[in-house]
Amino acid sequence: MDNEIQLISDGDGLAVIGNATDVERFLVSEGLSSKDLGLQRLKSVFGTGAAAAQAGSDIAANSGRWMKLTKESAQRVKKFGLMDSKTPGVSHAMVGKPGSIKSWLQIENPVGSFLANPALLAGAAGIMAQLAMQQTMDEITDYLATIDEKVDDVLRAQKDAVSARMIGVDLVIEETMTIREQVGRVSEVTWSKMQAAPTTIAETQAYALRQLDALAEKMERKTKIGDLATTAKEAESTVREWLAVLARCFQLQDAVAVLELDRVLDASPEELDGHRLGLRAARQHRLELISRSTERLVARMNAAADSANAKVLLNPIKSPAVVQSSNHVATAVHDFHGRLGIESGRQSSEARRWADAAAETRDMALETGAKGVGAAISLGNETLDRASSVTGKLSSGIAERARRLLGDEKERDEQG
């Protein structure tokens, strides 16, 4: 079958490899945007000799494009039936397009697949992991620009020594990434500059998470609406600052991972698969730590909003302020999660306006009052009936008594 291309997925991204024209046709037909995979970097996997010459020839004859998988694009490529490969976490498929058929079809028994070589497949998976992390790094850069938080300013305001070291590590990593772009690899000398970077970044991340945890605990201790309003307002700016620091830490950790994979690809390509999987597991662990801390904070803010809503009549100004601050924090965390690829659901607490609450209370009062008036009217009628009855009985008694007196008086006159 002509026009054959190979699809490779590691769960985060999709690589399309084959003749440049065929690759472009496939991407256009499926409506997928992509960037260069950088296959030429795989030449270093084979060193020298006949195997290296053959690999170099195969690499030169093929083009590779990569894209980050979204729910929509993942659904589109699912129809091609990607199957697990011998490389852990990687699935692939060969597809082709005969001249008389418009759609691309899976080839069940591919012959001469470019990535039939396990070393090439492992190398491609390593590059795909780098591209996925670089994509996240770019998104974090956009995020920091959007929220206009200067991470260095936040760190400089802290007296903690770890924060000060973080600024230096930031500069070293950016310099190393620049050298990598120019040279195309990470040498032993370049890598040696990075030895202390992971520890410092991890310490700064832990420090930022502690700040968010402390804020959640502070919110939990407050019970008065006035105190909640003050603390919630402080949280609006403070949370944004520490989320910015966490985002920068995560970005630098991804940068270190990209450099690590380059170094392993250059020095020990046979260990690339294991190192890629290890970095993936460590990255997921970091995401879980961040997720737990930020979601706990949002839960405390939501609880404060619920408490404020319940007391809006007594605090018509401060209660809505608590809810507003809570929503701002929840929105900030939700946006932050999106940039890091953390799935989260955000439900804003709607501030209960004082007028609405007052109207509700008024309606309840009217309903209760109406029942009271009805009861009073009923009671009044019963009282009047009783009074009339008593009055009638009293009048009858007086009349009877008057008759008796008149009768007695008449009887006395006749006898006299």
Protein backbone atom coordinates (compact mmCIF):
# COMPACT_ATOMS: atom_id res chain seq x y z
CA MET A 1 0.00 0.00 0.00
CA ASP A 2 1.36 3.45 -0.93
CA ASN A 3 1.36 6.57 1.27
CA GLU A 4 2.21 4.70 4.47
CA ILE A 5 2.86 6.56 7.71
CA GLN A 6 3.42 5.49 11.30
CA LEU A 7 1.52 6.80 14.31
CA ILE A 8 3.09 6.71 17.78
CA SER A 9 1.43 7.75 21.03
CA ASP A 10 2.72 7.91 24.60
CA GLY A 11 -0.61 9.04 26.03
CA ASP A 12 0.37 12.71 26.11
CA GLY A 13 1.20 13.30 22.47
CA LEU A 14 1.06 11.81 18.98
CA ALA A 15 3.94 11.52 16.53
CA VAL A 16 3.34 11.06 12.81
CA ILE A 17 6.34 9.69 10.90
CA GLY A 18 6.81 9.01 7.21
CA ASN A 19 7.39 10.76 3.91
CA ALA A 20 7.03 14.51 4.45
CA THR A 21 4.27 14.83 1.84
CA ASP A 22 2.30 11.89 3.25
CA VAL A 23 2.64 13.18 6.79
CA GLU A 24 1.33 16.58 5.75
CA ARG A 25 -1.61 15.05 3.88
CA PHE A 26 -2.57 12.99 6.91
CA LEU A 27 -2.45 15.95 9.28
CA VAL A 28 -4.53 18.09 6.94
CA SER A 29 -7.12 15.35 6.39
CA GLU A 30 -7.52 14.84 10.14
CA GLY A 31 -7.46 18.54 10.98
CA LEU A 32 -4.43 18.27 13.30
CA SER A 33 -1.86 21.01 13.97
CA SER A 34 1.70 19.93 14.78
CA LYS A 35 5.34 20.86 15.28
CA ASP A 36 8.62 19.28 14.17
CA LEU A 37 9.48 16.09 16.06
CA GLY A 38 13.24 16.50 15.59
CA LEU A 39 14.07 13.00 14.32
CA GLN A 40 17.64 13.98 13.40
CA ARG A 41 18.52 13.94 17.10
CA LEU A 42 18.08 10.15 17.11
CA LYS A 43 21.27 9.67 15.11
CA SER A 44 23.27 9.75 18.35
CA VAL A 45 21.49 6.59 19.58
CA PHE A 46 23.50 4.34 17.26
CA GLY A 47 26.99 5.76 17.53
CA THR A 48 29.08 4.56 14.58
CA GLY A 49 29.24 1.58 12.25
CA ALA A 50 26.85 -0.08 9.83
CA ALA A 51 23.86 0.15 12.17
CA ALA A 52 24.44 3.87 12.60
CA ALA A 53 24.71 4.34 8.84
CA GLN A 54 21.44 2.49 8.23
CA ALA A 55 19.66 4.37 11.02
CA GLY A 56 20.96 7.65 9.68
CA SER A 57 19.65 6.79 6.25
CA ASP A 58 16.21 5.88 7.63
CA ILE A 59 16.05 9.06 9.67
CA ALA A 60 17.04 11.23 6.73
CA ALA A 61 14.36 9.64 4.53
CA ASN A 62 11.54 10.36 6.95
CA SER A 63 9.80 13.36 8.42
CA GLY A 64 8.32 13.50 11.90
CA ARG A 65 5.64 15.78 13.33
CA TRP A 66 4.30 15.92 16.89
CA MET A 67 1.18 17.30 18.55
CA LYS A 68 -0.16 17.36 22.10
CA LEU A 69 -3.19 15.11 22.44
CA THR A 70 -6.45 16.66 23.54
CA LYS A 71 -9.70 14.80 24.17
CA GLU A 72 -10.84 15.70 20.66
CA SER A 73 -7.65 14.73 18.82
CA ALA A 74 -7.26 11.55 20.87
CA GLN A 75 -10.75 10.54 19.77
CA ARG A 76 -9.85 11.18 16.13
CA VAL A 77 -6.79 8.92 16.12
CA LYS A 78 -8.49 6.23 18.23
CA LYS A 79 -10.16 4.92 15.08
CA PHE A 80 -6.77 3.79 13.74
CA GLY A 81 -6.45 1.16 16.47
CA LEU A 82 -3.07 1.96 18.00
CA MET A 83 -1.61 -1.13 19.65
CA ASP A 84 0.88 -1.50 22.49
CA SER A 85 4.51 -1.77 21.48
CA LYS A 86 7.45 -3.37 23.26
CA THR A 87 8.39 0.07 24.53
CA PRO A 88 6.53 0.63 27.84
CA GLY A 89 3.72 3.17 27.67
CA VAL A 90 3.97 3.57 23.91
CA SER A 91 1.39 2.45 21.33
CA HIS A 92 1.65 2.63 17.55
CA ALA A 93 -0.04 1.82 14.26
CA MET A 94 0.75 1.92 10.56
CA VAL A 95 -1.83 3.55 8.31
CA GLY A 96 -2.03 3.97 4.55
CA LYS A 97 -4.18 5.62 1.92
CA PRO A 98 -4.72 3.96 -1.47
CA GLY A 99 -5.16 6.37 -4.35
CA SER A 100 -8.82 5.51 -4.92
CA ILE A 101 -9.86 5.79 -1.26
CA LYS A 102 -10.21 9.09 0.60
CA SER A 103 -9.84 7.85 4.18
CA TRP A 104 -6.69 6.53 5.85
CA LEU A 105 -6.81 2.85 6.81
CA GLN A 106 -4.87 0.78 9.31
CA ILE A 107 -2.34 -1.66 7.87
CA GLU A 108 -2.58 -4.87 9.87
CA ASN A 109 0.71 -6.40 8.73
CA PRO A 110 3.14 -3.54 8.10
CA VAL A 111 6.43 -4.38 6.36
CA GLY A 112 9.62 -2.43 6.83
CA SER A 113 8.25 -0.08 9.50
CA PHE A 114 10.62 2.79 10.23
CA LEU A 115 10.27 2.24 13.96
CA ALA A 116 10.56 -1.54 13.93
CA ASN A 117 13.93 -0.88 15.56
CA PRO A 118 13.35 -0.79 19.38
CA ALA A 119 16.15 1.74 19.91
CA LEU A 120 14.59 4.16 17.44
CA LEU A 121 11.17 3.72 19.03
CA ALA A 122 12.59 4.36 22.51
CA GLY A 123 14.42 7.40 21.23
CA ALA A 124 11.28 8.76 19.58
CA ALA A 125 9.33 8.24 22.84
CA GLY A 126 12.00 10.18 24.72
CA ILE A 127 11.79 13.11 22.32
CA MET A 128 7.98 13.04 22.53
CA ALA A 129 8.21 13.30 26.33
CA GLN A 130 10.47 16.33 25.96
CA LEU A 131 8.10 18.04 23.54
CA ALA A 132 5.14 17.47 25.88
CA MET A 133 7.02 19.06 28.78
CA GLN A 134 8.18 21.96 26.63
CA GLN A 135 4.56 22.54 25.62
CA THR A 136 3.60 22.78 29.30
CA MET A 137 6.54 25.11 29.91
CA ASP A 138 5.28 27.44 27.17
CA GLU A 139 1.77 27.38 28.63
CA ILE A 140 3.13 28.27 32.07
CA THR A 141 5.04 31.19 30.55
CA ASP A 142 1.76 32.45 29.08
CA TYR A 143 0.02 31.88 32.44
CA LEU A 144 2.60 33.92 34.37
CA ALA A 145 2.32 36.73 31.82
CA THR A 146 -1.48 36.66 32.07
CA ILE A 147 -1.65 36.94 35.85
CA ASP A 148 1.20 39.47 35.84
CA GLU A 149 2.88 37.98 38.88
CA LYS A 150 6.65 38.54 39.08
CA VAL A 151 7.98 35.36 40.64
CA ASP A 152 11.36 36.88 41.43
CA ASP A 153 9.67 39.74 43.30
CA VAL A 154 7.66 37.26 45.38
CA LEU A 155 10.76 35.23 46.19
CA ARG A 156 12.84 38.31 47.04
CA ALA A 157 10.19 39.39 49.52
CA GLN A 158 10.77 36.17 51.47
CA LYS A 159 13.51 35.97 54.08
CA ASP A 160 13.88 32.22 53.62
CA ALA A 161 17.31 31.24 52.23
CA VAL A 162 15.77 28.63 49.95
CA SER A 163 13.85 31.32 48.08
CA ALA A 164 17.04 33.26 47.47
CA ARG A 165 18.78 30.19 46.02
CA MET A 166 15.81 29.58 43.75
CA ILE A 167 16.49 32.82 41.86
CA GLY A 168 20.03 31.66 41.12
CA VAL A 169 18.85 28.24 39.96
CA ASP A 170 16.37 29.91 37.65
CA LEU A 171 19.20 31.77 35.91
CA VAL A 172 21.37 28.65 35.60
CA ILE A 173 18.60 26.58 34.01
CA GLU A 174 17.71 29.29 31.50
CA GLU A 175 21.37 29.54 30.53
CA THR A 176 21.63 25.77 30.11
CA MET A 177 18.50 25.66 27.94
CA THR A 178 19.97 28.39 25.75
CA ILE A 179 23.20 26.41 25.28
CA ARG A 180 21.15 23.31 24.42
CA GLU A 181 19.28 25.20 21.71
CA GLN A 182 22.54 26.41 20.19
CA VAL A 183 24.56 23.19 20.45
CA GLY A 184 21.79 20.60 20.06
CA ARG A 185 22.90 18.47 22.99
CA VAL A 186 23.74 18.59 26.71
CA SER A 187 27.40 17.89 27.36
CA GLU A 188 28.85 16.61 30.59
CA VAL A 189 30.29 20.05 31.33
CA THR A 190 26.93 21.73 30.76
CA TRP A 191 25.11 19.17 32.86
CA SER A 192 27.54 19.56 35.77
CA LYS A 193 26.24 23.10 36.31
CA MET A 194 22.82 21.65 37.07
CA GLN A 195 23.63 19.27 39.90
CA ALA A 196 22.08 21.30 42.75
CA ALA A 197 19.08 22.60 40.78
CA PRO A 198 16.51 19.81 41.46
CA THR A 199 16.97 19.97 45.23
CA THR A 200 16.58 23.75 45.40
CA ILE A 201 13.48 23.70 43.21
CA ALA A 202 11.90 20.95 45.32
CA GLU A 203 12.59 22.90 48.52
CA THR A 204 11.00 26.03 47.06
CA GLN A 205 7.97 24.05 45.93
CA ALA A 206 7.58 22.60 49.43
CA TYR A 207 7.85 26.10 50.92
CA ALA A 208 5.12 27.44 48.62
CA LEU A 209 2.83 24.51 49.42
CA ARG A 210 3.32 25.16 53.14
CA GLN A 211 2.23 28.76 52.63
CA LEU A 212 -1.01 27.60 50.99
CA ASP A 213 -1.58 24.99 53.70
CA ALA A 214 -1.07 27.64 56.38
CA LEU A 215 -3.61 29.88 54.69
CA ALA A 216 -6.15 27.03 54.58
CA GLU A 217 -5.60 26.39 58.29
CA LYS A 218 -6.03 30.08 59.06
CA MET A 219 -9.35 30.14 57.20
CA GLU A 220 -10.45 27.06 59.11
CA ARG A 221 -9.82 28.72 62.47
CA LYS A 222 -11.92 31.79 61.70
CA THR A 223 -15.58 31.71 62.72
CA LYS A 224 -16.65 35.37 62.83
CA ILE A 225 -17.73 36.86 59.51
CA GLY A 226 -15.56 39.93 60.03
CA ASP A 227 -12.45 37.80 60.54
CA LEU A 228 -13.38 35.61 57.59
CA ALA A 229 -13.78 38.65 55.35
CA THR A 230 -10.36 40.01 56.32
CA THR A 231 -8.57 36.67 55.87
CA ALA A 232 -10.37 35.88 52.60
CA LYS A 233 -9.41 39.26 51.16
CA GLU A 234 -5.77 38.69 52.07
CA ALA A 235 -5.97 35.29 50.41
CA GLU A 236 -6.89 36.78 47.03
CA SER A 237 -3.45 38.28 46.41
CA THR A 238 -1.43 35.84 48.52
CA VAL A 239 -2.78 32.76 46.72
CA ARG A 240 -2.01 34.20 43.29
CA GLU A 241 1.57 34.88 44.35
CA TRP A 242 2.23 31.37 45.63
CA LEU A 243 0.49 29.77 42.67
CA ALA A 244 2.87 31.74 40.47
CA VAL A 245 5.83 30.39 42.44
CA LEU A 246 4.49 26.81 42.15
CA ALA A 247 3.98 27.26 38.42
CA ARG A 248 7.55 28.48 37.99
CA CYS A 249 8.88 25.57 40.07
CA PHE A 250 6.96 23.12 37.92
CA GLN A 251 8.23 24.79 34.76
CA LEU A 252 11.85 24.57 35.91
CA GLN A 253 11.40 20.95 36.95
CA ASP A 254 10.17 20.16 33.44
CA ALA A 255 13.17 22.01 32.03
CA VAL A 256 15.52 19.90 34.15
CA ALA A 257 13.74 16.75 32.94
CA VAL A 258 14.18 17.84 29.30
CA LEU A 259 17.88 18.34 29.92
CA GLU A 260 18.14 14.99 31.72
CA LEU A 261 16.63 13.13 28.77
CA ASP A 262 19.05 14.86 26.43
CA ARG A 263 21.96 13.86 28.64
CA VAL A 264 20.81 10.22 28.87
CA LEU A 265 20.16 10.09 25.11
CA ASP A 266 23.70 11.31 24.55
CA ALA A 267 25.54 9.31 27.21
CA SER A 268 23.47 6.14 27.90
CA PRO A 269 20.78 5.68 25.22
CA GLU A 270 20.04 2.15 26.42
CA GLU A 271 18.74 3.65 29.68
CA LEU A 272 16.48 6.17 27.97
CA ASP A 273 13.25 4.19 28.36
CA GLY A 274 13.70 3.57 32.06
CA HIS A 275 14.66 7.18 32.70
CA ARG A 276 11.68 8.47 30.72
CA LEU A 277 9.28 6.35 32.78
CA GLY A 278 10.93 7.41 36.02
CA LEU A 279 10.59 11.08 35.16
CA ARG A 280 6.96 10.54 34.21
CA ALA A 281 6.19 8.93 37.59
CA ALA A 282 8.02 11.69 39.49
CA ARG A 283 6.15 14.37 37.54
CA GLN A 284 2.79 12.75 38.34
CA HIS A 285 3.71 12.64 42.02
CA ARG A 286 4.45 16.38 42.00
CA LEU A 287 1.10 17.06 40.36
CA GLU A 288 -0.68 15.06 43.05
CA LEU A 289 1.06 16.98 45.84
CA ILE A 290 0.11 20.29 44.29
CA SER A 291 -3.44 19.14 43.63
CA ARG A 292 -4.04 18.01 47.23
CA SER A 293 -2.79 21.27 48.71
CA THR A 294 -4.65 23.60 46.35
CA GLU A 295 -7.90 21.64 46.50
CA ARG A 296 -7.81 21.70 50.28
CA LEU A 297 -7.48 25.48 50.15
CA VAL A 298 -10.44 25.79 47.77
CA ALA A 299 -12.50 23.54 50.06
CA ARG A 300 -11.80 25.87 53.01
CA MET A 301 -12.68 28.94 50.94
CA ASN A 302 -15.95 27.32 49.85
CA ALA A 303 -16.78 26.47 53.45
CA ALA A 304 -16.19 30.10 54.38
CA ALA A 305 -18.49 31.19 51.55
CA ASP A 306 -21.22 28.85 52.77
CA SER A 307 -20.89 30.22 56.28
CA ALA A 308 -21.06 33.79 54.99
CA ASN A 309 -24.13 33.07 52.89
CA ALA A 310 -25.91 31.70 55.94
CA LYS A 311 -25.32 34.95 57.84
CA VAL A 312 -25.91 37.49 55.10
CA LEU A 313 -28.81 39.22 56.88
CA LEU A 314 -26.69 40.03 59.90
CA ASN A 315 -23.66 40.96 57.75
CA PRO A 316 -25.01 42.43 54.49
CA ILE A 317 -21.62 43.90 53.48
CA LYS A 318 -18.98 41.49 54.77
CA SER A 319 -20.78 38.25 53.88
CA PRO A 320 -20.87 38.94 50.11
CA ALA A 321 -17.22 40.05 50.33
CA VAL A 322 -16.25 36.64 51.72
CA VAL A 323 -18.07 34.89 48.88
CA GLN A 324 -16.45 37.13 46.28
CA SER A 325 -12.96 36.49 47.63
CA SER A 326 -13.68 32.76 47.75
CA ASN A 327 -14.73 32.76 44.10
CA HIS A 328 -11.61 34.68 43.08
CA VAL A 329 -9.39 32.14 44.81
CA ALA A 330 -11.29 29.20 43.28
CA THR A 331 -10.99 30.73 39.81
CA ALA A 332 -7.26 31.33 40.26
CA VAL A 333 -6.70 27.72 41.34
CA HIS A 334 -8.83 26.41 38.47
CA ASP A 335 -6.78 28.37 35.90
CA PHE A 336 -3.56 27.22 37.53
CA HIS A 337 -4.68 23.59 37.38
CA GLY A 338 -5.49 23.96 33.70
CA ARG A 339 -1.98 25.14 32.86
CA LEU A 340 -0.41 22.21 34.68
CA GLY A 341 -2.83 19.66 33.24
CA ILE A 342 -4.58 18.95 36.55
CA GLU A 343 -8.22 18.03 36.09
CA SER A 344 -10.43 19.86 38.53
CA GLY A 345 -14.00 21.02 38.82
CA ARG A 346 -14.80 24.51 40.02
CA GLN A 347 -18.16 25.53 41.38
CA SER A 348 -18.47 29.18 42.30
CA SER A 349 -20.42 30.08 45.40
CA GLU A 350 -23.04 32.63 44.46
CA ALA A 351 -23.18 35.46 46.95
CA ARG A 352 -26.57 35.66 48.58
CA ARG A 353 -27.54 39.28 48.25
CA TRP A 354 -28.83 40.94 51.37
CA ALA A 355 -31.97 42.11 49.58
CA ASP A 356 -32.76 38.57 48.44
CA ALA A 357 -32.23 37.21 51.92
CA ALA A 358 -34.29 40.03 53.40
CA ALA A 359 -37.07 39.42 50.90
CA GLU A 360 -37.04 35.74 51.78
CA THR A 361 -37.21 36.55 55.47
CA ARG A 362 -40.00 39.09 54.84
CA ASP A 363 -42.00 36.50 52.93
CA MET A 364 -41.57 34.04 55.78
CA ALA A 365 -42.63 36.71 58.24
CA LEU A 366 -45.68 37.59 56.18
CA GLU A 367 -46.63 33.95 55.90
CA THR A 368 -46.21 33.51 59.63
CA GLY A 369 -48.00 36.79 60.26
CA ALA A 370 -50.89 35.82 58.02
CA LYS A 371 -51.30 32.65 59.97
CA GLY A 372 -51.19 34.71 63.16
CA VAL A 373 -53.76 37.16 61.91
CA GLY A 374 -56.02 34.32 60.88
CA ALA A 375 -55.67 32.79 64.28
CA ALA A 376 -56.36 36.14 65.94
CA ILE A 377 -59.45 36.69 63.84
CA SER A 378 -60.69 33.23 64.67
CA LEU A 379 -59.95 33.80 68.32
CA GLY A 380 -61.64 37.19 68.19
CA ASN A 381 -64.77 35.73 66.66
CA GLU A 382 -64.86 33.01 69.25
CA THR A 383 -64.43 35.65 71.99
CA LEU A 384 -67.15 37.80 70.56
CA ASP A 385 -69.47 34.80 70.37
CA ARG A 386 -68.67 33.98 73.94
CA ALA A 387 -69.21 37.62 74.93
CA SER A 388 -72.51 37.75 73.12
CA SER A 389 -73.55 34.57 74.76
CA VAL A 390 -72.57 35.86 78.17
CA THR A 391 -74.20 39.19 77.47
CA GLY A 392 -77.39 37.46 76.40
CA LYS A 393 -77.36 35.33 79.48
CA LEU A 394 -76.66 38.35 81.63
CA SER A 395 -79.47 40.36 79.99
CA SER A 396 -81.89 37.51 80.43
CA GLY A 397 -80.95 37.23 84.07
CA ILE A 398 -81.46 40.93 84.68
CA ALA A 399 -84.82 40.90 82.90
CA GLU A 400 -85.95 37.87 84.88
CA ARG A 401 -84.82 39.49 88.09
CA ALA A 402 -86.64 42.70 87.17
CA ARG A 403 -89.83 40.75 86.54
CA ARG A 404 -89.52 39.04 89.87
CA LEU A 405 -89.04 42.37 91.63
CA LEU A 406 -92.06 43.90 89.89
CA GLY A 407 -94.15 40.86 90.73
CA ASP A 408 -93.18 41.04 94.38
CA GLU A 409 -93.93 44.76 94.51
CA LYS A 410 -97.43 44.28 92.92
CA GLU A 411 -98.22 41.48 95.33
CA ARG A 412 -97.38 43.71 98.32
CA ASP A 413 -99.65 46.51 97.01
CA GLU A 414 -102.65 44.18 96.69
CA GLN A 415 -102.18 42.89 100.23
CA GLY A 416 -101.93 46.41 101.61
